[in-house]
């Protein structure tokens, strides 16, 4: 590991990782990989996240799945939509693989 990539624990502690449930998913017109997700973090209102996972996942197969998101990321505009977080995925030549709990848990649960 390159020493430039090492961050202090206090920086890592700022990242708010949460379980989110995907309520809706649709393709973003004009993009072959971007999906627009509406997710629930439990008691909070819905949150919109845009993710470049559309070459591997269809919107229909994502509905109801639990994923892990960075909940306190500064919003960012992508193709005219605001993304209010980022989902976590691993990736290789086969494409992205969503990180998710191995059993069902409540949306909004904090990741430790």
PDB file of N, CA and C in Angstrom:
ATOM      1  N   UNK A   1       0.846  -1.176   0.000  1.00  0.00           N
ATOM      2  CA  UNK A   1       0.000   0.000   0.000  1.00  0.00           C
ATOM      3  C   UNK A   1       0.889   1.236   0.000  1.00  0.00           C
ATOM      4  N   UNK A   2       0.519   2.200  -0.795  1.00  0.00           N
ATOM      5  CA  UNK A   2       1.236   3.459  -0.885  1.00  0.00           C
ATOM      6  C   UNK A   2       0.891   4.332   0.321  1.00  0.00           C
ATOM      7  N   UNK A   3       1.891   4.902   0.968  1.00  0.00           N
ATOM      8  CA  UNK A   3       1.652   5.720   2.164  1.00  0.00           C
ATOM      9  C   UNK A   3       0.753   6.908   1.885  1.00  0.00           C
ATOM     10  N   UNK A   4       0.724   7.396   0.656  1.00  0.00           N
ATOM     11  CA  UNK A   4      -0.153   8.523   0.315  1.00  0.00           C
ATOM     12  C   UNK A   4      -1.626   8.149   0.457  1.00  0.00           C
ATOM     13  N   UNK A   5      -1.934   6.864   0.392  1.00  0.00           N
ATOM     14  CA  UNK A   5      -3.322   6.412   0.486  1.00  0.00           C
ATOM     15  C   UNK A   5      -3.794   6.206   1.917  1.00  0.00           C
ATOM     16  N   UNK A   6      -2.905   6.289   2.870  1.00  0.00           N
ATOM     17  CA  UNK A   6      -3.265   6.072   4.264  1.00  0.00           C
ATOM     18  C   UNK A   6      -3.925   7.333   4.818  1.00  0.00           C
ATOM     19  N   UNK A   7      -5.082   7.133   5.459  1.00  0.00           N
ATOM     20  CA  UNK A   7      -5.785   8.261   6.071  1.00  0.00           C
ATOM     21  C   UNK A   7      -5.877   8.033   7.572  1.00  0.00           C
ATOM     22  N   UNK A   8      -5.943   9.093   8.338  1.00  0.00           N
ATOM     23  CA  UNK A   8      -6.108   8.908   9.782  1.00  0.00           C
ATOM     24  C   UNK A   8      -7.508   8.379  10.103  1.00  0.00           C
ATOM     25  N   UNK A   9      -7.614   7.675  11.206  1.00  0.00           N
ATOM     26  CA  UNK A   9      -8.907   7.122  11.622  1.00  0.00           C
ATOM     27  C   UNK A   9      -9.956   8.213  11.759  1.00  0.00           C
ATOM     28  N   UNK A  10      -9.551   9.392  12.196  1.00  0.00           N
ATOM     29  CA  UNK A  10     -10.519  10.486  12.362  1.00  0.00           C
ATOM     30  C   UNK A  10     -11.174  10.858  11.037  1.00  0.00           C
ATOM     31  N   UNK A  11     -10.448  10.747   9.914  1.00  0.00           N
ATOM     32  CA  UNK A  11     -11.054  10.998   8.598  1.00  0.00           C
ATOM     33  C   UNK A  11     -12.045   9.895   8.251  1.00  0.00           C
ATOM     34  N   UNK A  12     -11.668   8.638   8.481  1.00  0.00           N
ATOM     35  CA  UNK A  12     -12.573   7.520   8.197  1.00  0.00           C
ATOM     36  C   UNK A  12     -13.843   7.624   9.039  1.00  0.00           C
ATOM     37  N   UNK A  13     -13.714   8.052  10.281  1.00  0.00           N
ATOM     38  CA  UNK A  13     -14.863   8.142  11.186  1.00  0.00           C
ATOM     39  C   UNK A  13     -15.896   9.157  10.695  1.00  0.00           C
ATOM     40  N   UNK A  14     -15.523  10.036   9.797  1.00  0.00           N
ATOM     41  CA  UNK A  14     -16.459  11.023   9.240  1.00  0.00           C
ATOM     42  C   UNK A  14     -17.422  10.407   8.230  1.00  0.00           C
ATOM     43  N   UNK A  15     -17.072   9.252   7.684  1.00  0.00           N
ATOM     44  CA  UNK A  15     -17.890   8.608   6.660  1.00  0.00           C
ATOM     45  C   UNK A  15     -19.066   7.900   7.325  1.00  0.00           C
ATOM     46  N   UNK A  16     -20.281   8.256   6.914  1.00  0.00           N
ATOM     47  CA  UNK A  16     -21.505   7.668   7.464  1.00  0.00           C
ATOM     48  C   UNK A  16     -22.000   6.583   6.512  1.00  0.00           C
ATOM     49  N   UNK A  17     -21.680   5.323   6.825  1.00  0.00           N
ATOM     50  CA  UNK A  17     -22.112   4.185   6.021  1.00  0.00           C
ATOM     51  C   UNK A  17     -23.415   3.651   6.590  1.00  0.00           C
ATOM     52  N   UNK A  18     -24.406   3.456   5.711  1.00  0.00           N
ATOM     53  CA  UNK A  18     -25.734   3.000   6.135  1.00  0.00           C
ATOM     54  C   UNK A  18     -26.269   1.929   5.198  1.00  0.00           C
ATOM     55  N   UNK A  19     -27.197   1.127   5.721  1.00  0.00           N
ATOM     56  CA  UNK A  19     -27.960   0.190   4.903  1.00  0.00           C
ATOM     57  C   UNK A  19     -29.119   0.969   4.293  1.00  0.00           C
ATOM     58  N   UNK A  20     -29.327   0.785   2.999  1.00  0.00           N
ATOM     59  CA  UNK A  20     -30.451   1.421   2.311  1.00  0.00           C
ATOM     60  C   UNK A  20     -31.206   0.357   1.529  1.00  0.00           C
ATOM     61  N   UNK A  21     -32.515   0.509   1.431  1.00  0.00           N
ATOM     62  CA  UNK A  21     -33.348  -0.411   0.625  1.00  0.00           C
ATOM     63  C   UNK A  21     -33.755   0.316  -0.653  1.00  0.00           C
ATOM     64  N   UNK A  22     -33.543  -0.340  -1.776  1.00  0.00           N
ATOM     65  CA  UNK A  22     -33.908   0.247  -3.066  1.00  0.00           C
ATOM     66  C   UNK A  22     -35.418   0.109  -3.264  1.00  0.00           C
ATOM     67  N   UNK A  23     -36.089   1.247  -3.406  1.00  0.00           N
ATOM     68  CA  UNK A  23     -37.538   1.280  -3.590  1.00  0.00           C
ATOM     69  C   UNK A  23     -37.919   1.366  -5.064  1.00  0.00           C
ATOM     70  N   UNK A  24     -37.157   2.133  -5.826  1.00  0.00           N
ATOM     71  CA  UNK A  24     -37.407   2.312  -7.255  1.00  0.00           C
ATOM     72  C   UNK A  24     -36.075   2.382  -7.976  1.00  0.00           C
ATOM     73  N   UNK A  25     -36.073   1.966  -9.233  1.00  0.00           N
ATOM     74  CA  UNK A  25     -34.864   2.044 -10.050  1.00  0.00           C
ATOM     75  C   UNK A  25     -35.283   2.238 -11.498  1.00  0.00           C
ATOM     76  N   UNK A  26     -34.551   3.103 -12.199  1.00  0.00           N
ATOM     77  CA  UNK A  26     -34.816   3.315 -13.620  1.00  0.00           C
ATOM     78  C   UNK A  26     -33.542   3.751 -14.322  1.00  0.00           C
ATOM     79  N   UNK A  27     -33.502   3.500 -15.604  1.00  0.00           N
ATOM     80  CA  UNK A  27     -32.369   3.918 -16.418  1.00  0.00           C
ATOM     81  C   UNK A  27     -32.428   5.424 -16.638  1.00  0.00           C
ATOM     82  N   UNK A  28     -31.258   6.040 -16.716  1.00  0.00           N
ATOM     83  CA  UNK A  28     -31.175   7.462 -17.038  1.00  0.00           C
ATOM     84  C   UNK A  28     -31.052   7.579 -18.552  1.00  0.00           C
ATOM     85  N   UNK A  29     -31.988   8.282 -19.151  1.00  0.00           N
ATOM     86  CA  UNK A  29     -31.997   8.442 -20.601  1.00  0.00           C
ATOM     87  C   UNK A  29     -30.695   9.100 -21.065  1.00  0.00           C
ATOM     88  N   UNK A  30     -30.097   8.533 -22.116  1.00  0.00           N
ATOM     89  CA  UNK A  30     -28.857   9.063 -22.656  1.00  0.00           C
ATOM     90  C   UNK A  30     -27.612   8.422 -22.079  1.00  0.00           C
ATOM     91  N   UNK A  31     -27.778   7.482 -21.157  1.00  0.00           N
ATOM     92  CA  UNK A  31     -26.642   6.781 -20.565  1.00  0.00           C
ATOM     93  C   UNK A  31     -26.865   5.279 -20.652  1.00  0.00           C
ATOM     94  N   UNK A  32     -25.821   4.547 -21.012  1.00  0.00           N
ATOM     95  CA  UNK A  32     -25.967   3.082 -21.072  1.00  0.00           C
ATOM     96  C   UNK A  32     -25.647   2.402 -19.755  1.00  0.00           C
ATOM     97  N   UNK A  33     -25.080   3.156 -18.789  1.00  0.00           N
ATOM     98  CA  UNK A  33     -24.741   2.513 -17.517  1.00  0.00           C
ATOM     99  C   UNK A  33     -25.331   3.177 -16.284  1.00  0.00           C
ATOM    100  N   UNK A  34     -25.839   4.387 -16.402  1.00  0.00           N
ATOM    101  CA  UNK A  34     -26.312   5.117 -15.233  1.00  0.00           C
ATOM    102  C   UNK A  34     -27.748   4.743 -14.867  1.00  0.00           C
ATOM    103  N   UNK A  35     -27.959   4.377 -13.581  1.00  0.00           N
ATOM    104  CA  UNK A  35     -29.291   4.093 -13.060  1.00  0.00           C
ATOM    105  C   UNK A  35     -29.627   5.125 -11.986  1.00  0.00           C
ATOM    106  N   UNK A  36     -30.896   5.506 -11.935  1.00  0.00           N
ATOM    107  CA  UNK A  36     -31.388   6.423 -10.908  1.00  0.00           C
ATOM    108  C   UNK A  36     -32.169   5.594  -9.896  1.00  0.00           C
ATOM    109  N   UNK A  37     -31.699   5.597  -8.655  1.00  0.00           N
ATOM    110  CA  UNK A  37     -32.304   4.792  -7.594  1.00  0.00           C
ATOM    111  C   UNK A  37     -32.987   5.696  -6.576  1.00  0.00           C
ATOM    112  N   UNK A  38     -34.154   5.289  -6.114  1.00  0.00           N
ATOM    113  CA  UNK A  38     -34.817   5.902  -4.966  1.00  0.00           C
ATOM    114  C   UNK A  38     -34.641   4.906  -3.824  1.00  0.00           C
ATOM    115  N   UNK A  39     -34.002   5.346  -2.745  1.00  0.00           N
ATOM    116  CA  UNK A  39     -33.718   4.438  -1.643  1.00  0.00           C
ATOM    117  C   UNK A  39     -34.333   4.943  -0.345  1.00  0.00           C
ATOM    118  N   UNK A  40     -34.556   4.013   0.574  1.00  0.00           N
ATOM    119  CA  UNK A  40     -35.066   4.329   1.905  1.00  0.00           C
ATOM    120  C   UNK A  40     -33.963   4.094   2.924  1.00  0.00           C
ATOM    121  N   UNK A  41     -33.855   5.053   3.849  1.00  0.00           N
ATOM    122  CA  UNK A  41     -32.952   4.884   4.986  1.00  0.00           C
ATOM    123  C   UNK A  41     -33.768   4.763   6.267  1.00  0.00           C
ATOM    124  N   UNK A  42     -34.935   4.159   6.173  1.00  0.00           N
ATOM    125  CA  UNK A  42     -35.793   3.982   7.344  1.00  0.00           C
ATOM    126  C   UNK A  42     -36.731   5.154   7.521  1.00  0.00           C
ATOM    127  N   UNK A  43     -36.614   5.860   8.657  1.00  0.00           N
ATOM    128  CA  UNK A  43     -37.535   6.945   8.966  1.00  0.00           C
ATOM    129  C   UNK A  43     -37.342   8.180   8.096  1.00  0.00           C
ATOM    130  N   UNK A  44     -36.166   8.321   7.483  1.00  0.00           N
ATOM    131  CA  UNK A  44     -35.925   9.473   6.628  1.00  0.00           C
ATOM    132  C   UNK A  44     -36.775   9.391   5.373  1.00  0.00           C
ATOM    133  N   UNK A  45     -36.962  10.544   4.734  1.00  0.00           N
ATOM    134  CA  UNK A  45     -37.641  10.518   3.442  1.00  0.00           C
ATOM    135  C   UNK A  45     -36.749   9.820   2.430  1.00  0.00           C
ATOM    136  N   UNK A  46     -37.287   9.577   1.254  1.00  0.00           N
ATOM    137  CA  UNK A  46     -36.518   8.927   0.205  1.00  0.00           C
ATOM    138  C   UNK A  46     -35.314   9.752  -0.191  1.00  0.00           C
ATOM    139  N   UNK A  47     -34.332   9.048  -0.689  1.00  0.00           N
ATOM    140  CA  UNK A  47     -33.116   9.688  -1.159  1.00  0.00           C
ATOM    141  C   UNK A  47     -32.819   9.150  -2.554  1.00  0.00           C
ATOM    142  N   UNK A  48     -32.322  10.011  -3.417  1.00  0.00           N
ATOM    143  CA  UNK A  48     -31.995   9.632  -4.788  1.00  0.00           C
ATOM    144  C   UNK A  48     -30.490   9.434  -4.925  1.00  0.00           C
ATOM    145  N   UNK A  49     -30.122   8.306  -5.516  1.00  0.00           N
ATOM    146  CA  UNK A  49     -28.712   8.011  -5.766  1.00  0.00           C
ATOM    147  C   UNK A  49     -28.573   7.589  -7.226  1.00  0.00           C
ATOM    148  N   UNK A  50     -27.597   8.147  -7.901  1.00  0.00           N
ATOM    149  CA  UNK A  50     -27.281   7.735  -9.262  1.00  0.00           C
ATOM    150  C   UNK A  50     -26.048   6.851  -9.214  1.00  0.00           C
ATOM    151  N   UNK A  51     -26.090   5.749  -9.958  1.00  0.00           N
ATOM    152  CA  UNK A  51     -24.991   4.783  -9.905  1.00  0.00           C
ATOM    153  C   UNK A  51     -24.725   4.221 -11.294  1.00  0.00           C
ATOM    154  N   UNK A  52     -23.462   4.051 -11.619  1.00  0.00           N
ATOM    155  CA  UNK A  52     -23.054   3.519 -12.917  1.00  0.00           C
ATOM    156  C   UNK A  52     -23.000   2.012 -12.932  1.00  0.00           C
ATOM    157  N   UNK A  53     -24.123   1.376 -12.659  1.00  0.00           N
ATOM    158  CA  UNK A  53     -24.181  -0.087 -12.568  1.00  0.00           C
ATOM    159  C   UNK A  53     -25.118  -0.703 -13.604  1.00  0.00           C
ATOM    160  N   UNK A  54     -25.602   0.115 -14.546  1.00  0.00           N
ATOM    161  CA  UNK A  54     -26.628  -0.318 -15.485  1.00  0.00           C
ATOM    162  C   UNK A  54     -26.199  -1.331 -16.525  1.00  0.00           C
ATOM    163  N   UNK A  55     -24.911  -1.525 -16.727  1.00  0.00           N
ATOM    164  CA  UNK A  55     -24.474  -2.564 -17.665  1.00  0.00           C
ATOM    165  C   UNK A  55     -24.535  -3.948 -17.033  1.00  0.00           C
ATOM    166  N   UNK A  56     -24.513  -4.006 -15.710  1.00  0.00           N
ATOM    167  CA  UNK A  56     -24.528  -5.291 -15.005  1.00  0.00           C
ATOM    168  C   UNK A  56     -25.896  -5.608 -14.401  1.00  0.00           C
ATOM    169  N   UNK A  57     -26.616  -4.567 -13.945  1.00  0.00           N
ATOM    170  CA  UNK A  57     -27.885  -4.767 -13.250  1.00  0.00           C
ATOM    171  C   UNK A  57     -29.026  -4.098 -14.004  1.00  0.00           C
ATOM    172  N   UNK A  58     -30.177  -4.767 -14.030  1.00  0.00           N
ATOM    173  CA  UNK A  58     -31.377  -4.147 -14.585  1.00  0.00           C
ATOM    174  C   UNK A  58     -32.135  -3.476 -13.445  1.00  0.00           C
ATOM    175  N   UNK A  59     -32.889  -2.426 -13.748  1.00  0.00           N
ATOM    176  CA  UNK A  59     -33.662  -1.780 -12.681  1.00  0.00           C
ATOM    177  C   UNK A  59     -34.584  -2.758 -11.949  1.00  0.00           C
ATOM    178  N   UNK A  60     -35.203  -3.662 -12.685  1.00  0.00           N
ATOM    179  CA  UNK A  60     -36.171  -4.595 -12.092  1.00  0.00           C
ATOM    180  C   UNK A  60     -35.550  -5.512 -11.038  1.00  0.00           C
ATOM    181  N   UNK A  61     -34.322  -5.934 -11.237  1.00  0.00           N
ATOM    182  CA  UNK A  61     -33.696  -6.859 -10.282  1.00  0.00           C
ATOM    183  C   UNK A  61     -33.190  -6.161  -9.024  1.00  0.00           C
ATOM    184  N   UNK A  62     -33.179  -4.840  -9.024  1.00  0.00           N
ATOM    185  CA  UNK A  62     -32.670  -4.088  -7.874  1.00  0.00           C
ATOM    186  C   UNK A  62     -33.750  -3.750  -6.849  1.00  0.00           C
ATOM    187  N   UNK A  63     -34.995  -3.678  -7.273  1.00  0.00           N
ATOM    188  CA  UNK A  63     -36.085  -3.283  -6.379  1.00  0.00           C
ATOM    189  C   UNK A  63     -36.130  -4.221  -5.169  1.00  0.00           C
ATOM    190  N   UNK A  64     -36.146  -3.631  -3.977  1.00  0.00           N
ATOM    191  CA  UNK A  64     -36.227  -4.406  -2.740  1.00  0.00           C
ATOM    192  C   UNK A  64     -34.885  -4.838  -2.175  1.00  0.00           C
ATOM    193  N   UNK A  65     -33.816  -4.704  -2.924  1.00  0.00           N
ATOM    194  CA  UNK A  65     -32.494  -5.116  -2.432  1.00  0.00           C
ATOM    195  C   UNK A  65     -31.961  -4.120  -1.422  1.00  0.00           C
ATOM    196  N   UNK A  66     -31.225  -4.641  -0.476  1.00  0.00           N
ATOM    197  CA  UNK A  66     -30.532  -3.790   0.493  1.00  0.00           C
ATOM    198  C   UNK A  66     -29.098  -3.609   0.014  1.00  0.00           C
ATOM    199  N   UNK A  67     -28.620  -2.374   0.115  1.00  0.00           N
ATOM    200  CA  UNK A  67     -27.271  -2.039  -0.298  1.00  0.00           C
ATOM    201  C   UNK A  67     -26.616  -1.217   0.798  1.00  0.00           C
ATOM    202  N   UNK A  68     -25.340  -0.982   0.667  1.00  0.00           N
ATOM    203  CA  UNK A  68     -24.604  -0.123   1.587  1.00  0.00           C
ATOM    204  C   UNK A  68     -24.306   1.180   0.856  1.00  0.00           C
ATOM    205  N   UNK A  69     -24.589   2.313   1.519  1.00  0.00           N
ATOM    206  CA  UNK A  69     -24.332   3.607   0.899  1.00  0.00           C
ATOM    207  C   UNK A  69     -23.512   4.508   1.818  1.00  0.00           C
ATOM    208  N   UNK A  70     -22.852   5.482   1.205  1.00  0.00           N
ATOM    209  CA  UNK A  70     -22.249   6.587   1.939  1.00  0.00           C
ATOM    210  C   UNK A  70     -23.350   7.634   2.030  1.00  0.00           C
ATOM    211  N   UNK A  71     -23.868   7.836   3.248  1.00  0.00           N
ATOM    212  CA  UNK A  71     -25.050   8.678   3.434  1.00  0.00           C
ATOM    213  C   UNK A  71     -24.724  10.159   3.592  1.00  0.00           C
ATOM    214  N   UNK A  72     -23.501  10.498   3.929  1.00  0.00           N
ATOM    215  CA  UNK A  72     -23.187  11.907   4.182  1.00  0.00           C
ATOM    216  C   UNK A  72     -22.271  12.511   3.117  1.00  0.00           C
ATOM    217  N   UNK A  73     -22.341  11.976   1.912  1.00  0.00           N
ATOM    218  CA  UNK A  73     -21.564  12.518   0.808  1.00  0.00           C
ATOM    219  C   UNK A  73     -22.245  13.773   0.274  1.00  0.00           C
ATOM    220  N   UNK A  74     -21.458  14.776  -0.049  1.00  0.00           N
ATOM    221  CA  UNK A  74     -22.000  16.005  -0.610  1.00  0.00           C
ATOM    222  C   UNK A  74     -22.766  15.682  -1.899  1.00  0.00           C
ATOM    223  N   UNK A  75     -24.002  16.215  -2.067  1.00  0.00           N
ATOM    224  CA  UNK A  75     -24.763  15.950  -3.295  1.00  0.00           C
ATOM    225  C   UNK A  75     -23.987  16.384  -4.535  1.00  0.00           C
ATOM    226  N   UNK A  76     -24.232  15.663  -5.628  1.00  0.00           N
ATOM    227  CA  UNK A  76     -23.541  15.924  -6.888  1.00  0.00           C
ATOM    228  C   UNK A  76     -24.526  15.783  -8.037  1.00  0.00           C
ATOM    229  N   UNK A  77     -24.408  16.635  -9.029  1.00  0.00           N
ATOM    230  CA  UNK A  77     -25.295  16.595 -10.190  1.00  0.00           C
ATOM    231  C   UNK A  77     -24.679  15.724 -11.281  1.00  0.00           C
ATOM    232  N   UNK A  78     -25.479  14.765 -11.771  1.00  0.00           N
ATOM    233  CA  UNK A  78     -25.066  13.888 -12.862  1.00  0.00           C
ATOM    234  C   UNK A  78     -26.184  13.845 -13.890  1.00  0.00           C
ATOM    235  N   UNK A  79     -25.880  14.228 -15.116  1.00  0.00           N
ATOM    236  CA  UNK A  79     -26.840  14.199 -16.224  1.00  0.00           C
ATOM    237  C   UNK A  79     -28.177  14.843 -15.850  1.00  0.00           C
ATOM    238  N   UNK A  80     -28.117  15.928 -15.115  1.00  0.00           N
ATOM    239  CA  UNK A  80     -29.316  16.677 -14.778  1.00  0.00           C
ATOM    240  C   UNK A  80     -30.053  16.205 -13.530  1.00  0.00           C
ATOM    241  N   UNK A  81     -29.544  15.206 -12.846  1.00  0.00           N
ATOM    242  CA  UNK A  81     -30.161  14.691 -11.624  1.00  0.00           C
ATOM    243  C   UNK A  81     -29.202  14.870 -10.451  1.00  0.00           C
ATOM    244  N   UNK A  82     -29.750  15.107  -9.270  1.00  0.00           N
ATOM    245  CA  UNK A  82     -28.916  15.208  -8.077  1.00  0.00           C
ATOM    246  C   UNK A  82     -28.767  13.836  -7.433  1.00  0.00           C
ATOM    247  N   UNK A  83     -27.516  13.440  -7.181  1.00  0.00           N
ATOM    248  CA  UNK A  83     -27.239  12.206  -6.470  1.00  0.00           C
ATOM    249  C   UNK A  83     -26.925  12.566  -5.023  1.00  0.00           C
ATOM    250  N   UNK A  84     -27.655  11.946  -4.097  1.00  0.00           N
ATOM    251  CA  UNK A  84     -27.575  12.295  -2.674  1.00  0.00           C
ATOM    252  C   UNK A  84     -26.900  11.205  -1.862  1.00  0.00           C
ATOM    253  N   UNK A  85     -25.854  10.636  -2.399  1.00  0.00           N
ATOM    254  CA  UNK A  85     -25.110   9.574  -1.734  1.00  0.00           C
ATOM    255  C   UNK A  85     -24.403   8.731  -2.764  1.00  0.00           C
ATOM    256  N   UNK A  86     -23.745   7.680  -2.314  1.00  0.00           N
ATOM    257  CA  UNK A  86     -23.039   6.775  -3.213  1.00  0.00           C
ATOM    258  C   UNK A  86     -23.176   5.356  -2.689  1.00  0.00           C
ATOM    259  N   UNK A  87     -23.523   4.433  -3.594  1.00  0.00           N
ATOM    260  CA  UNK A  87     -23.566   3.037  -3.163  1.00  0.00           C
ATOM    261  C   UNK A  87     -22.173   2.453  -3.230  1.00  0.00           C
ATOM    262  N   UNK A  88     -21.939   1.415  -2.442  1.00  0.00           N
ATOM    263  CA  UNK A  88     -20.637   0.755  -2.427  1.00  0.00           C
ATOM    264  C   UNK A  88     -20.701  -0.512  -3.269  1.00  0.00           C
ATOM    265  N   UNK A  89     -19.689  -0.674  -4.113  1.00  0.00           N
ATOM    266  CA  UNK A  89     -19.599  -1.849  -4.973  1.00  0.00           C
ATOM    267  C   UNK A  89     -18.140  -2.186  -5.180  1.00  0.00           C
ATOM    268  N   UNK A  90     -17.878  -3.456  -5.356  1.00  0.00           N
ATOM    269  CA  UNK A  90     -16.553  -3.913  -5.772  1.00  0.00           C
ATOM    270  C   UNK A  90     -16.613  -4.044  -7.289  1.00  0.00           C
ATOM    271  N   UNK A  91     -15.481  -4.045  -7.939  1.00  0.00           N
ATOM    272  CA  UNK A  91     -15.518  -4.155  -9.387  1.00  0.00           C
ATOM    273  C   UNK A  91     -14.309  -4.852  -9.946  1.00  0.00           C
ATOM    274  N   UNK A  92     -14.536  -5.565 -11.038  1.00  0.00           N
ATOM    275  CA  UNK A  92     -13.454  -6.194 -11.784  1.00  0.00           C
ATOM    276  C   UNK A  92     -13.855  -6.193 -13.252  1.00  0.00           C
ATOM    277  N   UNK A  93     -13.196  -6.996 -14.060  1.00  0.00           N
ATOM    278  CA  UNK A  93     -13.482  -7.024 -15.498  1.00  0.00           C
ATOM    279  C   UNK A  93     -14.935  -7.429 -15.791  1.00  0.00           C
ATOM    280  N   UNK A  94     -15.562  -8.181 -14.894  1.00  0.00           N
ATOM    281  CA  UNK A  94     -16.947  -8.616 -15.092  1.00  0.00           C
ATOM    282  C   UNK A  94     -17.951  -7.522 -14.745  1.00  0.00           C
ATOM    283  N   UNK A  95     -17.482  -6.429 -14.129  1.00  0.00           N
ATOM    284  CA  UNK A  95     -18.375  -5.331 -13.776  1.00  0.00           C
ATOM    285  C   UNK A  95     -18.530  -5.182 -12.288  1.00  0.00           C
ATOM    286  N   UNK A  96     -19.397  -4.249 -11.875  1.00  0.00           N
ATOM    287  CA  UNK A  96     -19.578  -3.982 -10.446  1.00  0.00           C
ATOM    288  C   UNK A  96     -20.353  -5.091  -9.733  1.00  0.00           C
ATOM    289  N   UNK A  97     -20.035  -5.263  -8.452  1.00  0.00           N
ATOM    290  CA  UNK A  97     -20.754  -6.199  -7.577  1.00  0.00           C
ATOM    291  C   UNK A  97     -21.185  -5.396  -6.356  1.00  0.00           C
ATOM    292  N   UNK A  98     -22.485  -5.316  -6.129  1.00  0.00           N
ATOM    293  CA  UNK A  98     -23.008  -4.535  -5.013  1.00  0.00           C
ATOM    294  C   UNK A  98     -22.644  -5.155  -3.675  1.00  0.00           C
ATOM    295  N   UNK A  99     -22.265  -4.299  -2.724  1.00  0.00           N
ATOM    296  CA  UNK A  99     -22.041  -4.764  -1.362  1.00  0.00           C
ATOM    297  C   UNK A  99     -23.377  -4.699  -0.643  1.00  0.00           C
ATOM    298  N   UNK A 100     -23.701  -5.776   0.067  1.00  0.00           N
ATOM    299  CA  UNK A 100     -24.991  -5.832   0.746  1.00  0.00           C
ATOM    300  C   UNK A 100     -24.893  -6.706   1.981  1.00  0.00           C
ATOM    301  N   UNK A 101     -25.814  -6.490   2.954  1.00  0.00           N
ATOM    302  CA  UNK A 101     -25.822  -7.350   4.147  1.00  0.00           C
ATOM    303  C   UNK A 101     -26.128  -8.794   3.746  1.00  0.00           C
ATOM    304  N   UNK A 102     -25.624  -9.746   4.510  1.00  0.00           N
ATOM    305  CA  UNK A 102     -25.891 -11.148   4.176  1.00  0.00           C
ATOM    306  C   UNK A 102     -27.223 -11.646   4.721  1.00  0.00           C
ATOM    307  N   UNK A 103     -27.866 -10.852   5.576  1.00  0.00           N
ATOM    308  CA  UNK A 103     -29.233 -11.135   6.014  1.00  0.00           C
ATOM    309  C   UNK A 103     -30.000  -9.818   6.003  1.00  0.00           C
ATOM    310  N   UNK A 104     -31.320  -9.889   5.964  1.00  0.00           N
ATOM    311  CA  UNK A 104     -32.137  -8.678   5.925  1.00  0.00           C
ATOM    312  C   UNK A 104     -32.013  -7.913   7.235  1.00  0.00           C
ATOM    313  N   UNK A 105     -31.802  -6.616   7.125  1.00  0.00           N
ATOM    314  CA  UNK A 105     -31.722  -5.725   8.280  1.00  0.00           C
ATOM    315  C   UNK A 105     -32.553  -4.485   7.990  1.00  0.00           C
ATOM    316  N   UNK A 106     -32.755  -3.660   8.993  1.00  0.00           N
ATOM    317  CA  UNK A 106     -33.567  -2.460   8.846  1.00  0.00           C
ATOM    318  C   UNK A 106     -32.835  -1.395   8.044  1.00  0.00           C
ATOM    319  N   UNK A 107     -33.532  -0.766   7.080  1.00  0.00           N
ATOM    320  CA  UNK A 107     -32.915   0.353   6.366  1.00  0.00           C
ATOM    321  C   UNK A 107     -32.534   1.452   7.355  1.00  0.00           C
ATOM    322  N   UNK A 108     -31.407   2.096   7.089  1.00  0.00           N
ATOM    323  CA  UNK A 108     -30.917   3.147   7.957  1.00  0.00           C
ATOM    324  C   UNK A 108     -29.918   2.674   8.985  1.00  0.00           C
ATOM    325  N   UNK A 109     -29.794   1.352   9.130  1.00  0.00           N
ATOM    326  CA  UNK A 109     -28.864   0.818  10.120  1.00  0.00           C
ATOM    327  C   UNK A 109     -27.452   1.282   9.802  1.00  0.00           C
ATOM    328  N   UNK A 110     -26.752   1.752  10.836  1.00  0.00           N
ATOM    329  CA  UNK A 110     -25.394   2.265  10.674  1.00  0.00           C
ATOM    330  C   UNK A 110     -24.411   1.110  10.564  1.00  0.00           C
ATOM    331  N   UNK A 111     -23.434   1.257   9.667  1.00  0.00           N
ATOM    332  CA  UNK A 111     -22.376   0.274   9.507  1.00  0.00           C
ATOM    333  C   UNK A 111     -21.225   0.655  10.422  1.00  0.00           C
ATOM    334  N   UNK A 112     -20.775  -0.294  11.226  1.00  0.00           N
ATOM    335  CA  UNK A 112     -19.662  -0.041  12.169  1.00  0.00           C
ATOM    336  C   UNK A 112     -18.404  -0.677  11.634  1.00  0.00           C
TER     337      UNK A 112
END
